[in-house]
């Protein structure tokens, strides 16, 4: 009997319409979690190895901080228009070759 293994998966993290304040909270929370992941990764790499190369997590943290600022600026720029924001966030997971 052959067993099929699913090699791809999609998770709908966010799907909805939000006020600017709600959208800012959702986006900030998601980005903060990813930033914290990289900070913990960096800390783990440095435990017992003070000279560990942390360029990747350092760079990724900075990229995510920049993206968070861009998102906040965008949301703030439309806040006075009284419009809602649609967020569709899908996490795609697949096996690497």
C-alpha atoms as a PDB file:
ATOM      1  CA  UNK A   1       0.000   0.000   0.000  1.00  0.00           C
ATOM      2  CA  UNK A   2       1.451   3.341  -1.037  1.00  0.00           C
ATOM      3  CA  UNK A   3       1.423   6.251   1.405  1.00  0.00           C
ATOM      4  CA  UNK A   4       1.062   9.724  -0.056  1.00  0.00           C
ATOM      5  CA  UNK A   5       2.802  12.516   1.800  1.00  0.00           C
ATOM      6  CA  UNK A   6       1.503  16.044   1.404  1.00  0.00           C
ATOM      7  CA  UNK A   7       4.482  18.194   0.399  1.00  0.00           C
ATOM      8  CA  UNK A   8       2.733  21.553   0.394  1.00  0.00           C
ATOM      9  CA  UNK A   9       0.470  23.284   2.862  1.00  0.00           C
ATOM     10  CA  UNK A  10      -1.233  26.652   3.109  1.00  0.00           C
ATOM     11  CA  UNK A  11      -2.328  28.271   6.344  1.00  0.00           C
ATOM     12  CA  UNK A  12      -4.660  31.246   6.232  1.00  0.00           C
ATOM     13  CA  UNK A  13      -3.156  33.413   8.998  1.00  0.00           C
ATOM     14  CA  UNK A  14      -5.201  36.530   8.399  1.00  0.00           C
ATOM     15  CA  UNK A  15      -8.245  37.090   6.231  1.00  0.00           C
ATOM     16  CA  UNK A  16     -10.508  40.001   6.880  1.00  0.00           C
ATOM     17  CA  UNK A  17     -11.435  43.641   6.825  1.00  0.00           C
ATOM     18  CA  UNK A  18      -9.983  45.822   9.569  1.00  0.00           C
ATOM     19  CA  UNK A  19     -10.092  49.385  10.801  1.00  0.00           C
ATOM     20  CA  UNK A  20      -6.722  51.122  10.518  1.00  0.00           C
ATOM     21  CA  UNK A  21      -6.120  50.599  14.256  1.00  0.00           C
ATOM     22  CA  UNK A  22      -6.978  46.905  14.059  1.00  0.00           C
ATOM     23  CA  UNK A  23      -4.853  46.454  10.937  1.00  0.00           C
ATOM     24  CA  UNK A  24      -1.912  48.144  12.636  1.00  0.00           C
ATOM     25  CA  UNK A  25      -2.300  45.832  15.645  1.00  0.00           C
ATOM     26  CA  UNK A  26      -2.483  42.687  13.482  1.00  0.00           C
ATOM     27  CA  UNK A  27       0.487  43.604  11.299  1.00  0.00           C
ATOM     28  CA  UNK A  28       2.602  44.806  14.211  1.00  0.00           C
ATOM     29  CA  UNK A  29       1.874  41.647  16.200  1.00  0.00           C
ATOM     30  CA  UNK A  30       2.818  39.351  13.320  1.00  0.00           C
ATOM     31  CA  UNK A  31       6.024  41.226  12.562  1.00  0.00           C
ATOM     32  CA  UNK A  32       6.975  41.449  16.245  1.00  0.00           C
ATOM     33  CA  UNK A  33       6.637  37.664  16.589  1.00  0.00           C
ATOM     34  CA  UNK A  34       8.949  37.110  13.627  1.00  0.00           C
ATOM     35  CA  UNK A  35      11.425  39.680  14.963  1.00  0.00           C
ATOM     36  CA  UNK A  36      11.422  37.919  18.354  1.00  0.00           C
ATOM     37  CA  UNK A  37      12.040  34.591  16.609  1.00  0.00           C
ATOM     38  CA  UNK A  38      15.194  35.985  14.995  1.00  0.00           C
ATOM     39  CA  UNK A  39      16.338  37.558  18.260  1.00  0.00           C
ATOM     40  CA  UNK A  40      16.023  34.201  20.010  1.00  0.00           C
ATOM     41  CA  UNK A  41      17.788  32.509  17.105  1.00  0.00           C
ATOM     42  CA  UNK A  42      20.647  34.991  17.390  1.00  0.00           C
ATOM     43  CA  UNK A  43      20.862  34.460  21.151  1.00  0.00           C
ATOM     44  CA  UNK A  44      20.918  30.689  20.688  1.00  0.00           C
ATOM     45  CA  UNK A  45      23.739  30.934  18.164  1.00  0.00           C
ATOM     46  CA  UNK A  46      25.779  33.106  20.542  1.00  0.00           C
ATOM     47  CA  UNK A  47      25.390  30.874  23.602  1.00  0.00           C
ATOM     48  CA  UNK A  48      28.843  29.446  24.213  1.00  0.00           C
ATOM     49  CA  UNK A  49      30.122  31.058  21.030  1.00  0.00           C
ATOM     50  CA  UNK A  50      30.533  34.803  21.437  1.00  0.00           C
ATOM     51  CA  UNK A  51      32.074  35.032  17.973  1.00  0.00           C
ATOM     52  CA  UNK A  52      29.132  33.437  16.155  1.00  0.00           C
ATOM     53  CA  UNK A  53      28.219  34.942  12.806  1.00  0.00           C
ATOM     54  CA  UNK A  54      24.825  36.553  13.399  1.00  0.00           C
ATOM     55  CA  UNK A  55      24.679  38.505  10.143  1.00  0.00           C
ATOM     56  CA  UNK A  56      21.572  36.709   8.863  1.00  0.00           C
ATOM     57  CA  UNK A  57      19.354  37.253  11.929  1.00  0.00           C
ATOM     58  CA  UNK A  58      20.750  40.782  12.383  1.00  0.00           C
ATOM     59  CA  UNK A  59      19.910  41.666   8.779  1.00  0.00           C
ATOM     60  CA  UNK A  60      16.513  39.985   8.928  1.00  0.00           C
ATOM     61  CA  UNK A  61      15.575  41.815  12.138  1.00  0.00           C
ATOM     62  CA  UNK A  62      16.447  45.124  10.483  1.00  0.00           C
ATOM     63  CA  UNK A  63      14.448  44.230   7.357  1.00  0.00           C
ATOM     64  CA  UNK A  64      11.399  43.354   9.438  1.00  0.00           C
ATOM     65  CA  UNK A  65      11.722  46.528  11.531  1.00  0.00           C
ATOM     66  CA  UNK A  66      11.841  48.525   8.279  1.00  0.00           C
ATOM     67  CA  UNK A  67       8.767  46.718   6.924  1.00  0.00           C
ATOM     68  CA  UNK A  68       6.920  47.422  10.179  1.00  0.00           C
ATOM     69  CA  UNK A  69       7.701  51.158   9.858  1.00  0.00           C
ATOM     70  CA  UNK A  70       6.552  51.163   6.221  1.00  0.00           C
ATOM     71  CA  UNK A  71       3.285  49.447   7.158  1.00  0.00           C
ATOM     72  CA  UNK A  72       2.643  51.870  10.025  1.00  0.00           C
ATOM     73  CA  UNK A  73       3.333  54.865   7.749  1.00  0.00           C
ATOM     74  CA  UNK A  74       0.955  53.484   5.110  1.00  0.00           C
ATOM     75  CA  UNK A  75      -1.807  52.853   7.647  1.00  0.00           C
ATOM     76  CA  UNK A  76      -1.336  56.282   9.235  1.00  0.00           C
ATOM     77  CA  UNK A  77      -1.519  57.950   5.811  1.00  0.00           C
ATOM     78  CA  UNK A  78      -5.020  56.549   5.167  1.00  0.00           C
ATOM     79  CA  UNK A  79      -6.304  56.656   8.744  1.00  0.00           C
ATOM     80  CA  UNK A  80      -8.117  59.995   8.250  1.00  0.00           C
ATOM     81  CA  UNK A  81      -9.974  58.719   5.162  1.00  0.00           C
ATOM     82  CA  UNK A  82     -12.237  56.509   7.271  1.00  0.00           C
ATOM     83  CA  UNK A  83     -11.544  53.471   5.107  1.00  0.00           C
ATOM     84  CA  UNK A  84     -11.060  49.877   6.192  1.00  0.00           C
ATOM     85  CA  UNK A  85      -8.126  47.729   5.185  1.00  0.00           C
ATOM     86  CA  UNK A  86      -8.316  44.226   3.748  1.00  0.00           C
ATOM     87  CA  UNK A  87      -5.570  41.866   4.909  1.00  0.00           C
ATOM     88  CA  UNK A  88      -5.036  38.494   3.249  1.00  0.00           C
ATOM     89  CA  UNK A  89      -2.092  36.667   4.760  1.00  0.00           C
ATOM     90  CA  UNK A  90      -1.367  33.138   3.602  1.00  0.00           C
ATOM     91  CA  UNK A  91       1.563  31.145   4.957  1.00  0.00           C
ATOM     92  CA  UNK A  92       2.808  28.710   2.290  1.00  0.00           C
ATOM     93  CA  UNK A  93       4.812  25.703   3.438  1.00  0.00           C
ATOM     94  CA  UNK A  94       6.625  23.276   1.122  1.00  0.00           C
ATOM     95  CA  UNK A  95       9.495  20.819   1.183  1.00  0.00           C
ATOM     96  CA  UNK A  96      12.861  22.008  -0.048  1.00  0.00           C
ATOM     97  CA  UNK A  97      14.639  19.989  -2.686  1.00  0.00           C
END
